[in-house]
Protein backbone atom coordinates (compact mmCIF):
# COMPACT_ATOMS: atom_id res chain seq x y z
CA MET A 1 14.55 -47.15 -26.61
CA LYS A 2 12.64 -44.89 -28.99
CA LEU A 3 9.58 -43.31 -27.37
CA ARG A 4 6.33 -44.06 -29.15
CA PRO A 5 3.14 -42.08 -28.60
CA LEU A 6 1.19 -43.22 -25.57
CA THR A 7 -2.16 -42.06 -26.87
CA GLY A 8 -5.20 -43.59 -28.56
CA THR A 9 -6.73 -46.81 -27.27
CA ILE A 10 -4.65 -48.79 -24.78
CA THR A 11 -6.09 -51.94 -23.23
CA ALA A 12 -5.80 -52.67 -19.53
CA LEU A 13 -5.46 -56.41 -20.01
CA ALA A 14 -7.34 -58.89 -17.87
CA THR A 15 -5.09 -61.62 -16.46
CA PRO A 16 -6.60 -65.01 -17.38
CA PHE A 17 -6.63 -67.73 -14.74
CA ARG A 18 -7.29 -71.44 -15.02
CA ASP A 19 -7.44 -73.70 -11.95
CA GLY A 20 -5.81 -71.06 -9.81
CA GLN A 21 -2.87 -70.41 -12.13
CA VAL A 22 -2.19 -67.77 -14.77
CA SER A 23 -3.34 -69.19 -18.12
CA TYR A 24 -0.65 -68.15 -20.57
CA LYS A 25 -2.48 -69.96 -23.37
CA ASP A 26 -5.46 -67.65 -22.85
CA LEU A 27 -3.23 -64.62 -22.39
CA LYS A 28 -1.61 -65.36 -25.74
CA LYS A 29 -5.07 -65.42 -27.37
CA LEU A 30 -6.06 -62.19 -25.67
CA VAL A 31 -2.93 -60.37 -26.85
CA ALA A 32 -3.44 -61.70 -30.39
CA HIS A 33 -7.05 -60.46 -30.30
CA GLN A 34 -5.77 -57.01 -29.33
CA LEU A 35 -3.13 -56.82 -32.03
CA LYS A 36 -5.51 -58.05 -34.71
CA GLY A 37 -8.04 -55.40 -33.66
CA GLY A 38 -5.56 -52.55 -34.10
CA ILE A 39 -4.89 -51.63 -30.49
CA ASP A 40 -2.45 -48.77 -29.76
CA GLY A 41 -0.93 -50.19 -26.59
CA LEU A 42 -1.20 -52.86 -23.89
CA VAL A 43 -1.11 -52.69 -20.09
CA PRO A 44 -0.29 -56.02 -18.43
CA VAL A 45 -0.96 -56.30 -14.70
CA GLY A 46 -2.68 -53.03 -14.11
CA THR A 47 -5.45 -53.19 -11.56
CA THR A 48 -7.73 -54.75 -14.22
CA GLY A 49 -5.08 -57.47 -14.34
CA GLU A 50 -5.75 -58.15 -10.63
CA SER A 51 -2.31 -56.94 -9.63
CA PRO A 52 -3.05 -56.96 -5.88
CA THR A 53 -3.59 -60.75 -5.91
CA LEU A 54 -0.78 -61.85 -8.23
CA THR A 55 2.41 -63.03 -6.59
CA TYR A 56 5.53 -60.99 -7.18
CA GLU A 57 6.84 -63.68 -9.55
CA GLU A 58 3.55 -63.93 -11.45
CA HIS A 59 3.43 -60.16 -11.81
CA MET A 60 6.78 -59.99 -13.57
CA ASP A 61 6.21 -63.20 -15.56
CA VAL A 62 2.99 -61.75 -17.05
CA ILE A 63 4.74 -58.49 -17.97
CA ARG A 64 7.62 -60.34 -19.65
CA PHE A 65 5.19 -62.63 -21.47
CA VAL A 66 3.18 -59.72 -22.92
CA ILE A 67 6.37 -57.93 -23.99
CA ALA A 68 7.48 -61.08 -25.80
CA GLU A 69 4.07 -61.57 -27.45
CA ALA A 70 3.82 -57.93 -28.56
CA ARG A 71 7.22 -58.19 -30.28
CA GLY A 72 7.55 -54.43 -30.46
CA ARG A 73 4.40 -53.95 -32.52
CA VAL A 74 2.73 -51.76 -29.89
CA PRO A 75 3.98 -50.16 -26.68
CA VAL A 76 3.72 -52.33 -23.58
CA ILE A 77 3.03 -50.33 -20.44
CA ALA A 78 3.79 -52.37 -17.34
CA GLY A 79 1.52 -51.98 -14.33
CA THR A 80 4.01 -51.37 -11.52
CA GLY A 81 1.91 -49.65 -8.87
CA SER A 82 1.63 -50.77 -5.26
CA ASN A 83 0.67 -49.34 -1.88
CA SER A 84 4.26 -50.11 -0.88
CA THR A 85 6.78 -47.66 -2.30
CA TYR A 86 9.52 -50.29 -2.06
CA GLU A 87 7.51 -52.80 -4.09
CA ALA A 88 6.49 -50.22 -6.70
CA VAL A 89 10.12 -49.19 -7.11
CA GLU A 90 11.25 -52.79 -7.53
CA LEU A 91 8.50 -53.64 -10.02
CA THR A 92 9.38 -50.51 -12.00
CA ARG A 93 13.08 -51.34 -11.99
CA LEU A 94 12.48 -54.92 -13.11
CA SER A 95 10.01 -53.83 -15.79
CA HIS A 96 12.59 -51.36 -17.10
CA GLU A 97 15.10 -54.22 -17.32
CA ALA A 98 12.48 -56.33 -19.12
CA LYS A 99 12.24 -53.55 -21.74
CA ALA A 100 8.72 -52.33 -20.99
CA ASP A 101 8.05 -49.17 -22.98
CA ALA A 102 6.46 -47.36 -20.04
CA MET A 103 4.98 -47.87 -16.57
CA LEU A 104 1.46 -47.31 -15.23
CA VAL A 105 1.63 -46.44 -11.54
CA VAL A 106 -1.56 -46.29 -9.50
CA ALA A 107 -1.81 -44.12 -6.39
CA PRO A 108 -1.10 -46.09 -3.20
CA TYR A 109 -4.31 -47.68 -1.99
CA TYR A 110 -5.45 -48.04 1.63
CA ASN A 111 -2.48 -46.13 3.15
CA LYS A 112 -4.07 -42.74 2.30
CA PRO A 113 -0.78 -40.80 2.38
CA SER A 114 -0.71 -37.02 2.40
CA GLN A 115 -0.16 -35.23 -0.89
CA GLU A 116 3.49 -34.77 0.14
CA GLY A 117 3.69 -38.51 0.75
CA LEU A 118 2.25 -39.12 -2.70
CA PHE A 119 4.81 -36.79 -4.25
CA ARG A 120 7.70 -38.59 -2.54
CA HIS A 121 6.25 -41.99 -3.52
CA PHE A 122 6.18 -41.09 -7.21
CA CYS A 123 9.60 -39.41 -7.00
CA ALA A 124 11.14 -42.63 -5.69
CA ILE A 125 9.64 -44.53 -8.64
CA ALA A 126 10.70 -41.93 -11.19
CA GLU A 127 14.30 -42.17 -10.00
CA VAL A 128 14.73 -45.80 -11.14
CA THR A 129 13.66 -45.38 -14.77
CA ASP A 130 13.87 -42.81 -17.54
CA ARG A 131 10.96 -44.40 -19.40
CA PRO A 132 7.51 -42.79 -19.41
CA ILE A 133 5.52 -43.02 -16.21
CA ILE A 134 1.74 -42.76 -16.44
CA LEU A 135 0.28 -41.65 -13.13
CA TYR A 136 -3.03 -43.32 -12.28
CA SER A 137 -5.55 -41.43 -10.18
CA ILE A 138 -8.63 -43.45 -9.17
CA PRO A 139 -9.89 -42.08 -5.84
CA GLY A 140 -12.90 -44.42 -5.77
CA ARG A 141 -10.59 -47.39 -5.27
CA CYS A 142 -7.58 -45.78 -3.62
CA GLY A 143 -9.32 -43.41 -1.23
CA ILE A 144 -7.13 -40.51 -2.40
CA GLU A 145 -6.75 -38.36 -5.49
CA ILE A 146 -3.44 -37.29 -6.98
CA SER A 147 -3.86 -33.53 -6.72
CA VAL A 148 -3.25 -31.21 -9.65
CA GLY A 149 -0.51 -29.61 -7.58
CA VAL A 150 1.34 -32.91 -7.16
CA VAL A 151 1.03 -33.64 -10.87
CA GLU A 152 2.47 -30.20 -11.62
CA ARG A 153 5.41 -30.74 -9.25
CA LEU A 154 6.20 -34.16 -10.72
CA ARG A 155 5.90 -32.86 -14.28
CA ALA A 156 8.30 -30.01 -13.47
CA LYS A 157 10.87 -32.32 -11.88
CA TYR A 158 10.78 -35.30 -14.26
CA ARG A 159 10.49 -35.01 -18.03
CA HIS A 160 9.29 -38.63 -18.21
CA VAL A 161 6.32 -38.06 -15.89
CA ALA A 162 4.06 -36.46 -18.48
CA TRP A 163 0.97 -38.69 -18.56
CA ILE A 164 -1.96 -39.40 -16.28
CA LYS A 165 -4.76 -41.95 -16.40
CA GLU A 166 -7.69 -40.05 -14.95
CA ALA A 167 -10.46 -42.16 -13.40
CA GLY A 168 -12.07 -39.75 -10.99
CA GLY A 169 -15.26 -39.46 -13.04
CA SER A 170 -15.01 -35.70 -13.52
CA VAL A 171 -14.76 -33.80 -16.80
CA ASP A 172 -13.93 -30.73 -14.73
CA ARG A 173 -10.86 -32.50 -13.34
CA VAL A 174 -9.57 -33.07 -16.89
CA ASP A 175 -10.13 -29.37 -17.55
CA GLN A 176 -8.17 -28.50 -14.41
CA LEU A 177 -5.23 -30.67 -15.46
CA LYS A 178 -5.15 -29.27 -19.00
CA GLN A 179 -5.60 -25.70 -17.74
CA ALA A 180 -2.58 -26.15 -15.46
CA MET A 181 -0.26 -27.99 -17.84
CA GLY A 182 -1.74 -27.90 -21.34
CA ARG A 183 0.29 -29.85 -23.88
CA ASP A 184 2.91 -30.67 -21.25
CA LEU A 185 0.58 -33.35 -19.84
CA THR A 186 -1.17 -36.12 -21.74
CA VAL A 187 -4.46 -37.13 -20.13
CA LEU A 188 -5.91 -40.58 -20.77
CA SER A 189 -9.41 -41.53 -19.70
CA GLY A 190 -9.72 -44.29 -17.12
CA ASP A 191 -13.49 -44.63 -17.52
CA ASP A 192 -14.84 -46.14 -20.73
CA SER A 193 -18.17 -44.33 -20.51
CA LEU A 194 -16.38 -40.97 -20.09
CA THR A 195 -13.74 -41.34 -22.80
CA LEU A 196 -15.55 -39.18 -25.33
CA PRO A 197 -16.49 -36.40 -22.86
CA PHE A 198 -12.91 -36.39 -21.56
CA MET A 199 -11.53 -36.15 -25.10
CA ALA A 200 -13.85 -33.24 -25.82
CA VAL A 201 -11.92 -31.20 -23.24
CA GLY A 202 -8.42 -32.37 -24.11
CA ALA A 203 -7.79 -36.02 -23.21
CA GLU A 204 -5.90 -37.93 -25.91
CA GLY A 205 -7.20 -41.45 -25.50
CA VAL A 206 -8.18 -44.11 -23.02
CA ILE A 207 -6.71 -46.93 -20.99
CA SER A 208 -9.73 -49.13 -21.47
CA VAL A 209 -11.31 -52.16 -19.88
CA ALA A 210 -14.02 -52.59 -22.53
CA SER A 211 -11.40 -52.77 -25.30
CA ASN A 212 -10.40 -56.19 -23.98
CA LEU A 213 -13.46 -57.22 -26.02
CA PHE A 214 -14.42 -54.28 -28.27
CA VAL A 215 -10.98 -53.55 -29.73
CA ARG A 216 -11.91 -52.32 -33.19
CA GLU A 217 -14.94 -50.33 -32.10
CA ILE A 218 -13.25 -48.38 -29.30
CA SER A 219 -10.10 -47.84 -31.36
CA ARG A 220 -12.21 -46.36 -34.16
CA MET A 221 -14.15 -44.14 -31.76
CA VAL A 222 -10.95 -42.74 -30.26
CA ARG A 223 -9.30 -42.19 -33.65
CA LEU A 224 -12.35 -40.29 -34.86
CA ALA A 225 -12.29 -38.14 -31.74
CA LEU A 226 -8.57 -37.43 -32.18
CA ALA A 227 -9.39 -36.34 -35.73
CA ASN A 228 -12.05 -33.98 -34.31
CA ASP A 229 -14.90 -35.93 -35.90
CA MET A 230 -16.87 -35.91 -32.68
CA ALA A 231 -20.22 -36.56 -34.36
CA ALA A 232 -19.03 -39.86 -35.85
CA ALA A 233 -17.27 -40.78 -32.58
CA ALA A 234 -20.48 -40.06 -30.67
CA LYS A 235 -22.42 -42.58 -32.78
CA ILE A 236 -20.02 -45.33 -31.69
CA HIS A 237 -20.10 -44.10 -28.09
CA ARG A 238 -23.89 -44.27 -27.97
CA ARG A 239 -23.94 -47.75 -29.46
CA LEU A 240 -21.38 -49.02 -26.94
CA TYR A 241 -22.66 -47.08 -23.94
CA PRO A 242 -24.90 -49.92 -22.60
CA ALA A 243 -21.87 -52.22 -22.65
CA PHE A 244 -19.67 -49.59 -21.00
CA LYS A 245 -22.10 -49.39 -18.08
CA THR A 246 -22.92 -53.08 -17.78
CA LEU A 247 -19.28 -54.15 -17.82
CA PHE A 248 -19.02 -52.41 -14.45
CA ILE A 249 -22.21 -53.82 -12.94
CA GLU A 250 -19.89 -55.71 -10.57
CA PRO A 251 -16.30 -55.01 -9.55
CA ASN A 252 -13.86 -54.95 -12.46
CA PRO A 253 -12.61 -57.30 -13.96
CA VAL A 254 -15.37 -59.79 -13.11
CA PRO A 255 -17.80 -58.80 -15.92
CA ILE A 256 -15.17 -58.33 -18.63
CA LYS A 257 -13.83 -61.82 -17.91
CA VAL A 258 -17.34 -63.23 -18.28
CA ALA A 259 -17.69 -61.33 -21.57
CA LEU A 260 -14.32 -62.57 -22.86
CA THR A 261 -15.23 -66.15 -21.96
CA ARG A 262 -18.57 -65.77 -23.72
CA ALA A 263 -16.70 -64.58 -26.84
CA GLY A 264 -14.37 -67.60 -26.72
CA ILE A 265 -11.27 -65.49 -26.14
CA LEU A 266 -10.75 -66.86 -22.62
CA SER A 267 -11.47 -70.42 -21.58
CA SER A 268 -12.46 -69.39 -18.05
CA ALA A 269 -13.90 -66.33 -16.30
CA GLU A 270 -12.01 -67.23 -13.14
CA VAL A 271 -10.98 -64.43 -10.80
CA ARG A 272 -9.00 -64.50 -7.58
CA SER A 273 -10.46 -64.04 -4.13
CA PRO A 274 -11.65 -61.70 -2.70
CA LEU A 275 -13.32 -61.26 -6.10
CA CYS A 276 -15.86 -63.95 -6.95
CA ASP A 277 -18.21 -65.20 -9.68
CA MET A 278 -20.91 -62.86 -10.95
CA ASP A 279 -24.30 -62.85 -9.31
CA PRO A 280 -26.63 -64.87 -11.63
CA ALA A 281 -29.05 -61.95 -12.04
CA ASN A 282 -26.22 -59.63 -13.05
CA ALA A 283 -24.84 -62.26 -15.38
CA LYS A 284 -28.23 -62.39 -17.15
CA THR A 285 -28.22 -58.61 -17.49
CA LEU A 286 -24.74 -58.71 -19.00
CA GLU A 287 -25.76 -61.50 -21.38
CA LYS A 288 -28.75 -59.48 -22.57
CA VAL A 289 -26.59 -56.44 -23.32
CA LEU A 290 -23.83 -58.40 -25.04
CA ALA A 291 -26.36 -60.22 -27.22
CA GLN A 292 -27.06 -56.89 -28.91
CA PHE A 293 -23.53 -56.95 -30.33
CA ASP A 294 -23.55 -60.48 -31.72
């Protein structure tokens, strides 16, 4: 499989539900919306896709469905992370067999392993595929950060571990990663509101939640930033900033599903427990912000 660049704007797809089941009709519409908008890549069943509450079978069915819908037009990066090393290895192996272009692997949540445990976890996953692995560090949800040292060790040992989705909220952390590894590591923002600041210090794109809805706008912002036209990119950033913040007024992906339903892309904003419907006051706030973009 020919490696395509894993940079630019990549959407962390929401997983649509209807009456408790995955809505493949809605998922088809969502993927079509992404492709029409000029997206650079798709992530099915990342944490935005509610991976912790999908069954094992649903998880792989969604990945295979998105691969089939994409038809090779953009890279499909399968979300294969888990707090169980065994499960993450199996999801990675099966996604490799399904011809996913790459894997997005979040740090194990809840377990809070040591940094050595993290290293061994990612090594086990890297051994079952030669396709790109994007590490995903999000300490606010996982309780741990993938240290720069662990990233360096993995990068030195595996040529296909050369990407990281950074969602720790720190521009300095991006600087640390680029200072340590430079061009040997591709950093992708994991926070929509920080994409432009991250790119100013060396990140090469974003794995975005907001691009589920704002495909063209975020894609254009990122392309301008990659072309070093930061002034033009900043204009788009400032326009979208209220949406970036309000789409996280409640736990992701609750607000983005409400926004997608409002736009007619999804037929339902349904999420799986323990997530729940938006608080009415927050829903009104989101509506007010989104109305600015109509």
